[in-house]
Amino acid sequence: MDSYPVIETNHSENNVILELNGKIVELNTKLIRNVENGYVLATMPLAYRKIILFMNRHRGELFSVGQLKKIGWESEKVTNSSVIVAISEIRSLFGDGLIITITGEGYVFQP
């Protein structure tokens, strides 16, 4: 049986919660909290939360920058660098090894 350091649950139909490396990410709030004491550790924009939560649901799959733009920003016009910055900030908060870069292809979430 595989054991992942990632837990995702639906606390309500509209909110998705992810526990990752001692931190909690919620779709409905930009606050990133410590699992043990609930203290706020950081904030994360909605687009970044959409990306990390989506990639968690599809861990091990490869996503292009274009796909991640659609996931994070939907119909908004953003550049590829927006995705690169989002991935960089997610890595800095949760650890470098979680999202693997496949050069010329995209990114894989692999906790």
PDB file of N, CA and C in Angstrom:
ATOM      1  N   MET A   1       0.845  -1.186   0.000  1.00  0.00           N
ATOM      2  CA  MET A   1       0.000   0.000   0.000  1.00  0.00           C
ATOM      3  C   MET A   1       0.882   1.237   0.000  1.00  0.00           C
ATOM      4  N   ASP A   2       0.632   2.142  -0.938  1.00  0.00           N
ATOM      5  CA  ASP A   2       1.398   3.381  -1.016  1.00  0.00           C
ATOM      6  C   ASP A   2       0.945   4.334   0.079  1.00  0.00           C
ATOM      7  N   SER A   3       1.912   5.046   0.649  1.00  0.00           N
ATOM      8  CA  SER A   3       1.504   6.072   1.607  1.00  0.00           C
ATOM      9  C   SER A   3       2.054   7.402   1.131  1.00  0.00           C
ATOM     10  N   TYR A   4       1.163   8.347   0.925  1.00  0.00           N
ATOM     11  CA  TYR A   4       1.528   9.668   0.430  1.00  0.00           C
ATOM     12  C   TYR A   4       1.477  10.658   1.579  1.00  0.00           C
ATOM     13  N   PRO A   5       2.333  11.690   1.554  1.00  0.00           N
ATOM     14  CA  PRO A   5       2.289  12.715   2.591  1.00  0.00           C
ATOM     15  C   PRO A   5       1.193  13.733   2.304  1.00  0.00           C
ATOM     16  N   VAL A   6       0.289  13.401   1.404  1.00  0.00           N
ATOM     17  CA  VAL A   6      -0.711  14.340   0.933  1.00  0.00           C
ATOM     18  C   VAL A   6      -2.093  13.798   1.254  1.00  0.00           C
ATOM     19  N   ILE A   7      -2.921  14.634   1.841  1.00  0.00           N
ATOM     20  CA  ILE A   7      -4.297  14.255   2.142  1.00  0.00           C
ATOM     21  C   ILE A   7      -5.193  15.326   1.557  1.00  0.00           C
ATOM     22  N   GLU A   8      -6.184  14.924   0.805  1.00  0.00           N
ATOM     23  CA  GLU A   8      -7.126  15.894   0.248  1.00  0.00           C
ATOM     24  C   GLU A   8      -8.525  15.478   0.650  1.00  0.00           C
ATOM     25  N   THR A   9      -9.270  16.419   1.176  1.00  0.00           N
ATOM     26  CA  THR A   9     -10.634  16.117   1.600  1.00  0.00           C
ATOM     27  C   THR A   9     -11.546  17.252   1.183  1.00  0.00           C
ATOM     28  N   ASN A  10     -12.809  16.956   1.069  1.00  0.00           N
ATOM     29  CA  ASN A  10     -13.816  17.986   0.820  1.00  0.00           C
ATOM     30  C   ASN A  10     -14.524  18.253   2.130  1.00  0.00           C
ATOM     31  N   HIS A  11     -14.333  19.426   2.701  1.00  0.00           N
ATOM     32  CA  HIS A  11     -15.039  19.787   3.928  1.00  0.00           C
ATOM     33  C   HIS A  11     -16.413  20.336   3.625  1.00  0.00           C
ATOM     34  N   SER A  12     -16.578  20.879   2.459  1.00  0.00           N
ATOM     35  CA  SER A  12     -17.882  21.288   1.959  1.00  0.00           C
ATOM     36  C   SER A  12     -17.809  21.091   0.462  1.00  0.00           C
ATOM     37  N   GLU A  13     -18.920  21.177  -0.198  1.00  0.00           N
ATOM     38  CA  GLU A  13     -18.904  20.924  -1.633  1.00  0.00           C
ATOM     39  C   GLU A  13     -18.045  21.920  -2.395  1.00  0.00           C
ATOM     40  N   ASN A  14     -17.896  23.134  -1.867  1.00  0.00           N
ATOM     41  CA  ASN A  14     -17.168  24.168  -2.593  1.00  0.00           C
ATOM     42  C   ASN A  14     -15.730  24.346  -2.140  1.00  0.00           C
ATOM     43  N   ASN A  15     -15.300  23.638  -1.115  1.00  0.00           N
ATOM     44  CA  ASN A  15     -13.957  23.834  -0.594  1.00  0.00           C
ATOM     45  C   ASN A  15     -13.167  22.542  -0.681  1.00  0.00           C
ATOM     46  N   VAL A  16     -11.939  22.649  -1.129  1.00  0.00           N
ATOM     47  CA  VAL A  16     -11.032  21.513  -1.178  1.00  0.00           C
ATOM     48  C   VAL A  16      -9.871  21.853  -0.260  1.00  0.00           C
ATOM     49  N   ILE A  17      -9.492  20.888   0.555  1.00  0.00           N
ATOM     50  CA  ILE A  17      -8.404  21.101   1.514  1.00  0.00           C
ATOM     51  C   ILE A  17      -7.308  20.081   1.243  1.00  0.00           C
ATOM     52  N   LEU A  18      -6.083  20.552   1.232  1.00  0.00           N
ATOM     53  CA  LEU A  18      -4.925  19.700   0.998  1.00  0.00           C
ATOM     54  C   LEU A  18      -3.947  19.882   2.146  1.00  0.00           C
ATOM     55  N   GLU A  19      -3.525  18.762   2.727  1.00  0.00           N
ATOM     56  CA  GLU A  19      -2.486  18.786   3.749  1.00  0.00           C
ATOM     57  C   GLU A  19      -1.211  18.298   3.103  1.00  0.00           C
ATOM     58  N   LEU A  20      -0.172  19.128   3.158  1.00  0.00           N
ATOM     59  CA  LEU A  20       1.056  18.824   2.441  1.00  0.00           C
ATOM     60  C   LEU A  20       2.256  19.318   3.240  1.00  0.00           C
ATOM     61  N   ASN A  21       3.125  18.398   3.622  1.00  0.00           N
ATOM     62  CA  ASN A  21       4.353  18.739   4.349  1.00  0.00           C
ATOM     63  C   ASN A  21       4.107  19.633   5.558  1.00  0.00           C
ATOM     64  N   GLY A  22       3.083  19.295   6.339  1.00  0.00           N
ATOM     65  CA  GLY A  22       2.804  20.037   7.561  1.00  0.00           C
ATOM     66  C   GLY A  22       2.059  21.338   7.362  1.00  0.00           C
ATOM     67  N   LYS A  23       1.600  21.584   6.146  1.00  0.00           N
ATOM     68  CA  LYS A  23       0.876  22.815   5.838  1.00  0.00           C
ATOM     69  C   LYS A  23      -0.488  22.472   5.250  1.00  0.00           C
ATOM     70  N   ILE A  24      -1.455  23.348   5.467  1.00  0.00           N
ATOM     71  CA  ILE A  24      -2.801  23.152   4.936  1.00  0.00           C
ATOM     72  C   ILE A  24      -3.096  24.228   3.902  1.00  0.00           C
ATOM     73  N   VAL A  25      -3.552  23.783   2.721  1.00  0.00           N
ATOM     74  CA  VAL A  25      -3.978  24.674   1.646  1.00  0.00           C
ATOM     75  C   VAL A  25      -5.476  24.475   1.484  1.00  0.00           C
ATOM     76  N   GLU A  26      -6.239  25.562   1.451  1.00  0.00           N
ATOM     77  CA  GLU A  26      -7.673  25.485   1.199  1.00  0.00           C
ATOM     78  C   GLU A  26      -7.995  26.291  -0.043  1.00  0.00           C
ATOM     79  N   LEU A  27      -8.861  25.748  -0.887  1.00  0.00           N
ATOM     80  CA  LEU A  27      -9.253  26.466  -2.087  1.00  0.00           C
ATOM     81  C   LEU A  27      -9.932  27.785  -1.741  1.00  0.00           C
ATOM     82  N   ASN A  28     -10.751  27.801  -0.689  1.00  0.00           N
ATOM     83  CA  ASN A  28     -11.571  28.971  -0.368  1.00  0.00           C
ATOM     84  C   ASN A  28     -10.884  30.057   0.444  1.00  0.00           C
ATOM     85  N   THR A  29      -9.635  29.874   0.838  1.00  0.00           N
ATOM     86  CA  THR A  29      -8.921  30.930   1.562  1.00  0.00           C
ATOM     87  C   THR A  29      -7.472  30.965   1.117  1.00  0.00           C
ATOM     88  N   LYS A  30      -6.915  32.170   1.050  1.00  0.00           N
ATOM     89  CA  LYS A  30      -5.527  32.283   0.619  1.00  0.00           C
ATOM     90  C   LYS A  30      -4.535  32.009   1.739  1.00  0.00           C
ATOM     91  N   LEU A  31      -5.036  31.755   2.953  1.00  0.00           N
ATOM     92  CA  LEU A  31      -4.150  31.525   4.093  1.00  0.00           C
ATOM     93  C   LEU A  31      -3.609  30.090   4.082  1.00  0.00           C
ATOM     94  N   ILE A  32      -2.308  29.975   4.201  1.00  0.00           N
ATOM     95  CA  ILE A  32      -1.657  28.676   4.332  1.00  0.00           C
ATOM     96  C   ILE A  32      -1.346  28.509   5.813  1.00  0.00           C
ATOM     97  N   ARG A  33      -1.847  27.424   6.405  1.00  0.00           N
ATOM     98  CA  ARG A  33      -1.739  27.244   7.856  1.00  0.00           C
ATOM     99  C   ARG A  33      -0.866  26.057   8.229  1.00  0.00           C
ATOM    100  N   ASN A  34      -0.317  26.123   9.437  1.00  0.00           N
ATOM    101  CA  ASN A  34       0.419  25.013  10.022  1.00  0.00           C
ATOM    102  C   ASN A  34      -0.584  23.965  10.477  1.00  0.00           C
ATOM    103  N   VAL A  35      -0.341  22.695  10.144  1.00  0.00           N
ATOM    104  CA  VAL A  35      -1.259  21.611  10.497  1.00  0.00           C
ATOM    105  C   VAL A  35      -1.422  21.500  12.012  1.00  0.00           C
ATOM    106  N   GLU A  36      -0.313  21.607  12.749  1.00  0.00           N
ATOM    107  CA  GLU A  36      -0.354  21.326  14.186  1.00  0.00           C
ATOM    108  C   GLU A  36      -1.069  22.379  15.009  1.00  0.00           C
ATOM    109  N   ASN A  37      -0.842  23.660  14.700  1.00  0.00           N
ATOM    110  CA  ASN A  37      -1.417  24.694  15.564  1.00  0.00           C
ATOM    111  C   ASN A  37      -2.359  25.663  14.842  1.00  0.00           C
ATOM    112  N   GLY A  38      -2.506  25.497  13.530  1.00  0.00           N
ATOM    113  CA  GLY A  38      -3.416  26.361  12.776  1.00  0.00           C
ATOM    114  C   GLY A  38      -2.890  27.756  12.489  1.00  0.00           C
ATOM    115  N   TYR A  39      -1.644  28.030  12.885  1.00  0.00           N
ATOM    116  CA  TYR A  39      -1.079  29.354  12.651  1.00  0.00           C
ATOM    117  C   TYR A  39      -0.916  29.618  11.156  1.00  0.00           C
ATOM    118  N   VAL A  40      -1.107  30.866  10.763  1.00  0.00           N
ATOM    119  CA  VAL A  40      -0.925  31.268   9.374  1.00  0.00           C
ATOM    120  C   VAL A  40       0.576  31.354   9.086  1.00  0.00           C
ATOM    121  N   LEU A  41       1.006  30.663   8.040  1.00  0.00           N
ATOM    122  CA  LEU A  41       2.414  30.646   7.651  1.00  0.00           C
ATOM    123  C   LEU A  41       2.689  31.516   6.430  1.00  0.00           C
ATOM    124  N   ALA A  42       1.692  31.631   5.565  1.00  0.00           N
ATOM    125  CA  ALA A  42       1.868  32.375   4.310  1.00  0.00           C
ATOM    126  C   ALA A  42       0.496  32.576   3.679  1.00  0.00           C
ATOM    127  N   THR A  43       0.495  33.288   2.565  1.00  0.00           N
ATOM    128  CA  THR A  43      -0.712  33.407   1.754  1.00  0.00           C
ATOM    129  C   THR A  43      -0.377  32.928   0.346  1.00  0.00           C
ATOM    130  N   MET A  44      -1.409  32.513  -0.382  1.00  0.00           N
ATOM    131  CA  MET A  44      -1.203  32.011  -1.733  1.00  0.00           C
ATOM    132  C   MET A  44      -2.372  32.452  -2.604  1.00  0.00           C
ATOM    133  N   PRO A  45      -2.095  33.064  -3.768  1.00  0.00           N
ATOM    134  CA  PRO A  45      -3.176  33.494  -4.658  1.00  0.00           C
ATOM    135  C   PRO A  45      -4.037  32.318  -5.134  1.00  0.00           C
ATOM    136  N   LEU A  46      -5.264  32.618  -5.511  1.00  0.00           N
ATOM    137  CA  LEU A  46      -6.207  31.593  -5.956  1.00  0.00           C
ATOM    138  C   LEU A  46      -5.654  30.766  -7.113  1.00  0.00           C
ATOM    139  N   ALA A  47      -5.033  31.386  -8.089  1.00  0.00           N
ATOM    140  CA  ALA A  47      -4.499  30.641  -9.241  1.00  0.00           C
ATOM    141  C   ALA A  47      -3.495  29.583  -8.793  1.00  0.00           C
ATOM    142  N   TYR A  48      -2.642  29.921  -7.844  1.00  0.00           N
ATOM    143  CA  TYR A  48      -1.636  28.986  -7.344  1.00  0.00           C
ATOM    144  C   TYR A  48      -2.321  27.838  -6.604  1.00  0.00           C
ATOM    145  N   ARG A  49      -3.349  28.159  -5.816  1.00  0.00           N
ATOM    146  CA  ARG A  49      -4.088  27.121  -5.087  1.00  0.00           C
ATOM    147  C   ARG A  49      -4.789  26.176  -6.053  1.00  0.00           C
ATOM    148  N   LYS A  50      -5.358  26.721  -7.115  1.00  0.00           N
ATOM    149  CA  LYS A  50      -6.008  25.873  -8.122  1.00  0.00           C
ATOM    150  C   LYS A  50      -5.002  24.915  -8.750  1.00  0.00           C
ATOM    151  N   ILE A  51      -3.810  25.425  -9.055  1.00  0.00           N
ATOM    152  CA  ILE A  51      -2.773  24.596  -9.677  1.00  0.00           C
ATOM    153  C   ILE A  51      -2.341  23.473  -8.747  1.00  0.00           C
ATOM    154  N   ILE A  52      -1.983  23.789  -7.505  1.00  0.00           N
ATOM    155  CA  ILE A  52      -1.488  22.746  -6.588  1.00  0.00           C
ATOM    156  C   ILE A  52      -2.574  21.721  -6.277  1.00  0.00           C
ATOM    157  N   LEU A  53      -3.809  22.164  -6.091  1.00  0.00           N
ATOM    158  CA  LEU A  53      -4.893  21.225  -5.789  1.00  0.00           C
ATOM    159  C   LEU A  53      -5.205  20.340  -6.989  1.00  0.00           C
ATOM    160  N   PHE A  54      -5.194  20.903  -8.194  1.00  0.00           N
ATOM    161  CA  PHE A  54      -5.427  20.115  -9.402  1.00  0.00           C
ATOM    162  C   PHE A  54      -4.298  19.108  -9.610  1.00  0.00           C
ATOM    163  N   MET A  55      -3.065  19.570  -9.484  1.00  0.00           N
ATOM    164  CA  MET A  55      -1.927  18.667  -9.687  1.00  0.00           C
ATOM    165  C   MET A  55      -1.917  17.542  -8.652  1.00  0.00           C
ATOM    166  N   ASN A  56      -2.360  17.832  -7.430  1.00  0.00           N
ATOM    167  CA  ASN A  56      -2.445  16.783  -6.419  1.00  0.00           C
ATOM    168  C   ASN A  56      -3.448  15.710  -6.830  1.00  0.00           C
ATOM    169  N   ARG A  57      -4.591  16.136  -7.358  1.00  0.00           N
ATOM    170  CA  ARG A  57      -5.608  15.180  -7.799  1.00  0.00           C
ATOM    171  C   ARG A  57      -5.116  14.313  -8.947  1.00  0.00           C
ATOM    172  N   HIS A  58      -4.144  14.829  -9.690  1.00  0.00           N
ATOM    173  CA  HIS A  58      -3.630  14.118 -10.863  1.00  0.00           C
ATOM    174  C   HIS A  58      -2.127  13.880 -10.718  1.00  0.00           C
ATOM    175  N   ARG A  59      -1.711  13.516  -9.507  1.00  0.00           N
ATOM    176  CA  ARG A  59      -0.282  13.355  -9.262  1.00  0.00           C
ATOM    177  C   ARG A  59       0.318  12.296 -10.180  1.00  0.00           C
ATOM    178  N   GLY A  60       1.535  12.584 -10.609  1.00  0.00           N
ATOM    179  CA  GLY A  60       2.238  11.696 -11.516  1.00  0.00           C
ATOM    180  C   GLY A  60       1.978  11.980 -12.989  1.00  0.00           C
ATOM    181  N   GLU A  61       1.010  12.849 -13.275  1.00  0.00           N
ATOM    182  CA  GLU A  61       0.709  13.201 -14.670  1.00  0.00           C
ATOM    183  C   GLU A  61       1.486  14.446 -15.077  1.00  0.00           C
ATOM    184  N   LEU A  62       1.825  14.515 -16.352  1.00  0.00           N
ATOM    185  CA  LEU A  62       2.565  15.643 -16.907  1.00  0.00           C
ATOM    186  C   LEU A  62       1.595  16.717 -17.391  1.00  0.00           C
ATOM    187  N   PHE A  63       1.845  17.976 -16.982  1.00  0.00           N
ATOM    188  CA  PHE A  63       1.025  19.103 -17.422  1.00  0.00           C
ATOM    189  C   PHE A  63       1.900  20.167 -18.058  1.00  0.00           C
ATOM    190  N   SER A  64       1.477  20.627 -19.224  1.00  0.00           N
ATOM    191  CA  SER A  64       2.213  21.677 -19.926  1.00  0.00           C
ATOM    192  C   SER A  64       1.928  23.028 -19.272  1.00  0.00           C
ATOM    193  N   VAL A  65       2.748  24.009 -19.613  1.00  0.00           N
ATOM    194  CA  VAL A  65       2.538  25.365 -19.124  1.00  0.00           C
ATOM    195  C   VAL A  65       1.161  25.866 -19.573  1.00  0.00           C
ATOM    196  N   GLY A  66       0.795  25.590 -20.820  1.00  0.00           N
ATOM    197  CA  GLY A  66      -0.506  26.004 -21.338  1.00  0.00           C
ATOM    198  C   GLY A  66      -1.665  25.407 -20.553  1.00  0.00           C
ATOM    199  N   GLN A  67      -1.565  24.135 -20.207  1.00  0.00           N
ATOM    200  CA  GLN A  67      -2.614  23.496 -19.405  1.00  0.00           C
ATOM    201  C   GLN A  67      -2.707  24.135 -18.032  1.00  0.00           C
ATOM    202  N   LEU A  68      -1.564  24.401 -17.416  1.00  0.00           N
ATOM    203  CA  LEU A  68      -1.565  25.002 -16.078  1.00  0.00           C
ATOM    204  C   LEU A  68      -2.087  26.432 -16.105  1.00  0.00           C
ATOM    205  N   LYS A  69      -1.856  27.151 -17.212  1.00  0.00           N
ATOM    206  CA  LYS A  69      -2.443  28.496 -17.343  1.00  0.00           C
ATOM    207  C   LYS A  69      -3.961  28.406 -17.316  1.00  0.00           C
ATOM    208  N   LYS A  70      -4.524  27.449 -18.052  1.00  0.00           N
ATOM    209  CA  LYS A  70      -5.989  27.282 -18.092  1.00  0.00           C
ATOM    210  C   LYS A  70      -6.537  26.870 -16.730  1.00  0.00           C
ATOM    211  N   ILE A  71      -5.809  26.031 -16.019  1.00  0.00           N
ATOM    212  CA  ILE A  71      -6.254  25.572 -14.701  1.00  0.00           C
ATOM    213  C   ILE A  71      -6.231  26.719 -13.701  1.00  0.00           C
ATOM    214  N   GLY A  72      -5.140  27.465 -13.680  1.00  0.00           N
ATOM    215  CA  GLY A  72      -4.981  28.522 -12.689  1.00  0.00           C
ATOM    216  C   GLY A  72      -5.745  29.793 -12.986  1.00  0.00           C
ATOM    217  N   TRP A  73      -5.726  30.176 -14.243  1.00  0.00           N
ATOM    218  CA  TRP A  73      -6.275  31.492 -14.584  1.00  0.00           C
ATOM    219  C   TRP A  73      -7.500  31.422 -15.490  1.00  0.00           C
ATOM    220  N   GLU A  74      -7.929  30.221 -15.846  1.00  0.00           N
ATOM    221  CA  GLU A  74      -9.105  29.983 -16.686  1.00  0.00           C
ATOM    222  C   GLU A  74      -9.092  30.848 -17.931  1.00  0.00           C
ATOM    223  N   SER A  75      -9.965  31.824 -18.050  1.00  0.00           N
ATOM    224  CA  SER A  75     -10.050  32.606 -19.282  1.00  0.00           C
ATOM    225  C   SER A  75      -9.236  33.897 -19.245  1.00  0.00           C
ATOM    226  N   GLU A  76      -8.537  34.144 -18.148  1.00  0.00           N
ATOM    227  CA  GLU A  76      -7.705  35.350 -18.062  1.00  0.00           C
ATOM    228  C   GLU A  76      -6.499  35.221 -18.987  1.00  0.00           C
ATOM    229  N   LYS A  77      -6.033  36.332 -19.489  1.00  0.00           N
ATOM    230  CA  LYS A  77      -4.837  36.353 -20.341  1.00  0.00           C
ATOM    231  C   LYS A  77      -3.617  36.552 -19.443  1.00  0.00           C
ATOM    232  N   VAL A  78      -2.795  35.509 -19.352  1.00  0.00           N
ATOM    233  CA  VAL A  78      -1.534  35.609 -18.612  1.00  0.00           C
ATOM    234  C   VAL A  78      -0.425  35.001 -19.461  1.00  0.00           C
ATOM    235  N   THR A  79       0.796  35.366 -19.153  1.00  0.00           N
ATOM    236  CA  THR A  79       1.942  34.838 -19.902  1.00  0.00           C
ATOM    237  C   THR A  79       2.423  33.533 -19.285  1.00  0.00           C
ATOM    238  N   ASN A  80       3.274  32.832 -20.019  1.00  0.00           N
ATOM    239  CA  ASN A  80       3.871  31.593 -19.507  1.00  0.00           C
ATOM    240  C   ASN A  80       4.664  31.841 -18.234  1.00  0.00           C
ATOM    241  N   SER A  81       5.232  33.038 -18.118  1.00  0.00           N
ATOM    242  CA  SER A  81       6.025  33.331 -16.924  1.00  0.00           C
ATOM    243  C   SER A  81       5.159  33.335 -15.663  1.00  0.00           C
ATOM    244  N   SER A  82       3.864  33.583 -15.793  1.00  0.00           N
ATOM    245  CA  SER A  82       2.965  33.504 -14.631  1.00  0.00           C
ATOM    246  C   SER A  82       2.959  32.097 -14.047  1.00  0.00           C
ATOM    247  N   VAL A  83       2.961  31.097 -14.914  1.00  0.00           N
ATOM    248  CA  VAL A  83       2.993  29.699 -14.471  1.00  0.00           C
ATOM    249  C   VAL A  83       4.344  29.392 -13.836  1.00  0.00           C
ATOM    250  N   ILE A  84       5.409  29.854 -14.457  1.00  0.00           N
ATOM    251  CA  ILE A  84       6.751  29.590 -13.931  1.00  0.00           C
ATOM    252  C   ILE A  84       6.912  30.194 -12.533  1.00  0.00           C
ATOM    253  N   VAL A  85       6.412  31.407 -12.343  1.00  0.00           N
ATOM    254  CA  VAL A  85       6.460  32.051 -11.027  1.00  0.00           C
ATOM    255  C   VAL A  85       5.599  31.275 -10.027  1.00  0.00           C
ATOM    256  N   ALA A  86       4.410  30.836 -10.446  1.00  0.00           N
ATOM    257  CA  ALA A  86       3.529  30.071  -9.558  1.00  0.00           C
ATOM    258  C   ALA A  86       4.213  28.791  -9.085  1.00  0.00           C
ATOM    259  N   ILE A  87       4.813  28.058 -10.012  1.00  0.00           N
ATOM    260  CA  ILE A  87       5.505  26.810  -9.661  1.00  0.00           C
ATOM    261  C   ILE A  87       6.658  27.106  -8.704  1.00  0.00           C
ATOM    262  N   SER A  88       7.402  28.163  -8.968  1.00  0.00           N
ATOM    263  CA  SER A  88       8.517  28.546  -8.103  1.00  0.00           C
ATOM    264  C   SER A  88       8.041  28.867  -6.685  1.00  0.00           C
ATOM    265  N   GLU A  89       6.943  29.618  -6.570  1.00  0.00           N
ATOM    266  CA  GLU A  89       6.435  29.967  -5.242  1.00  0.00           C
ATOM    267  C   GLU A  89       5.857  28.755  -4.517  1.00  0.00           C
ATOM    268  N   ILE A  90       5.197  27.866  -5.238  1.00  0.00           N
ATOM    269  CA  ILE A  90       4.684  26.632  -4.631  1.00  0.00           C
ATOM    270  C   ILE A  90       5.851  25.808  -4.105  1.00  0.00           C
ATOM    271  N   ARG A  91       6.902  25.686  -4.899  1.00  0.00           N
ATOM    272  CA  ARG A  91       8.092  24.936  -4.463  1.00  0.00           C
ATOM    273  C   ARG A  91       8.722  25.563  -3.228  1.00  0.00           C
ATOM    274  N   SER A  92       8.821  26.888  -3.202  1.00  0.00           N
ATOM    275  CA  SER A  92       9.474  27.530  -2.061  1.00  0.00           C
ATOM    276  C   SER A  92       8.673  27.321  -0.778  1.00  0.00           C
ATOM    277  N   LEU A  93       7.371  27.192  -0.889  1.00  0.00           N
ATOM    278  CA  LEU A  93       6.543  26.997   0.299  1.00  0.00           C
ATOM    279  C   LEU A  93       6.482  25.535   0.738  1.00  0.00           C
ATOM    280  N   PHE A  94       6.417  24.616  -0.207  1.00  0.00           N
ATOM    281  CA  PHE A  94       6.191  23.204   0.131  1.00  0.00           C
ATOM    282  C   PHE A  94       7.396  22.300  -0.084  1.00  0.00           C
ATOM    283  N   GLY A  95       8.452  22.816  -0.684  1.00  0.00           N
ATOM    284  CA  GLY A  95       9.649  22.006  -0.908  1.00  0.00           C
ATOM    285  C   GLY A  95       9.922  21.792  -2.384  1.00  0.00           C
ATOM    286  N   ASP A  96      11.201  21.766  -2.735  1.00  0.00           N
ATOM    287  CA  ASP A  96      11.615  21.681  -4.132  1.00  0.00           C
ATOM    288  C   ASP A  96      11.271  20.360  -4.810  1.00  0.00           C
ATOM    289  N   GLY A  97      11.225  19.280  -4.075  1.00  0.00           N
ATOM    290  CA  GLY A  97      11.065  17.968  -4.697  1.00  0.00           C
ATOM    291  C   GLY A  97       9.661  17.591  -5.100  1.00  0.00           C
ATOM    292  N   LEU A  98       8.675  18.410  -4.793  1.00  0.00           N
ATOM    293  CA  LEU A  98       7.281  18.032  -5.059  1.00  0.00           C
ATOM    294  C   LEU A  98       6.865  18.173  -6.511  1.00  0.00           C
ATOM    295  N   ILE A  99       7.361  19.182  -7.182  1.00  0.00           N
ATOM    296  CA  ILE A  99       6.992  19.413  -8.574  1.00  0.00           C
ATOM    297  C   ILE A  99       8.263  19.288  -9.414  1.00  0.00           C
ATOM    298  N   ILE A 100       8.256  18.301 -10.284  1.00  0.00           N
ATOM    299  CA  ILE A 100       9.408  18.013 -11.128  1.00  0.00           C
ATOM    300  C   ILE A 100       9.235  18.738 -12.456  1.00  0.00           C
ATOM    301  N   THR A 101      10.301  19.373 -12.932  1.00  0.00           N
ATOM    302  CA  THR A 101      10.286  20.004 -14.252  1.00  0.00           C
ATOM    303  C   THR A 101      10.757  18.993 -15.287  1.00  0.00           C
ATOM    304  N   ILE A 102       9.960  18.813 -16.324  1.00  0.00           N
ATOM    305  CA  ILE A 102      10.370  18.007 -17.471  1.00  0.00           C
ATOM    306  C   ILE A 102      10.680  19.022 -18.575  1.00  0.00           C
ATOM    307  N   THR A 103      11.960  19.237 -18.819  1.00  0.00           N
ATOM    308  CA  THR A 103      12.408  20.297 -19.724  1.00  0.00           C
ATOM    309  C   THR A 103      11.717  20.181 -21.085  1.00  0.00           C
ATOM    310  N   GLY A 104      11.165  21.300 -21.523  1.00  0.00           N
ATOM    311  CA  GLY A 104      10.504  21.364 -22.814  1.00  0.00           C
ATOM    312  C   GLY A 104       9.120  20.739 -22.845  1.00  0.00           C
ATOM    313  N   GLU A 105       8.681  20.155 -21.729  1.00  0.00           N
ATOM    314  CA  GLU A 105       7.399  19.449 -21.694  1.00  0.00           C
ATOM    315  C   GLU A 105       6.419  20.071 -20.701  1.00  0.00           C
ATOM    316  N   GLY A 106       6.866  20.251 -19.432  1.00  0.00           N
ATOM    317  CA  GLY A 106       5.968  20.773 -18.415  1.00  0.00           C
ATOM    318  C   GLY A 106       6.379  20.334 -17.017  1.00  0.00           C
ATOM    319  N   TYR A 107       5.371  20.053 -16.192  1.00  0.00           N
ATOM    320  CA  TYR A 107       5.606  19.775 -14.775  1.00  0.00           C
ATOM    321  C   TYR A 107       4.810  18.552 -14.318  1.00  0.00           C
ATOM    322  N   VAL A 108       5.396  17.839 -13.330  1.00  0.00           N
ATOM    323  CA  VAL A 108       4.754  16.679 -12.722  1.00  0.00           C
ATOM    324  C   VAL A 108       4.774  16.868 -11.218  1.00  0.00           C
ATOM    325  N   PHE A 109       3.611  16.682 -10.578  1.00  0.00           N
ATOM    326  CA  PHE A 109       3.514  16.730  -9.116  1.00  0.00           C
ATOM    327  C   PHE A 109       3.726  15.317  -8.615  1.00  0.00           C
ATOM    328  N   GLN A 110       4.750  15.149  -7.791  1.00  0.00           N
ATOM    329  CA  GLN A 110       5.157  13.814  -7.377  1.00  0.00           C
ATOM    330  C   GLN A 110       5.605  13.845  -5.923  1.00  0.00           C
ATOM    331  N   PRO A 111       4.631  13.847  -4.995  1.00  0.00           N
ATOM    332  CA  PRO A 111       5.008  13.892  -3.576  1.00  0.00           C
ATOM    333  C   PRO A 111       5.668  12.606  -3.107  1.00  0.00           C
TER     334      PRO A 111
END
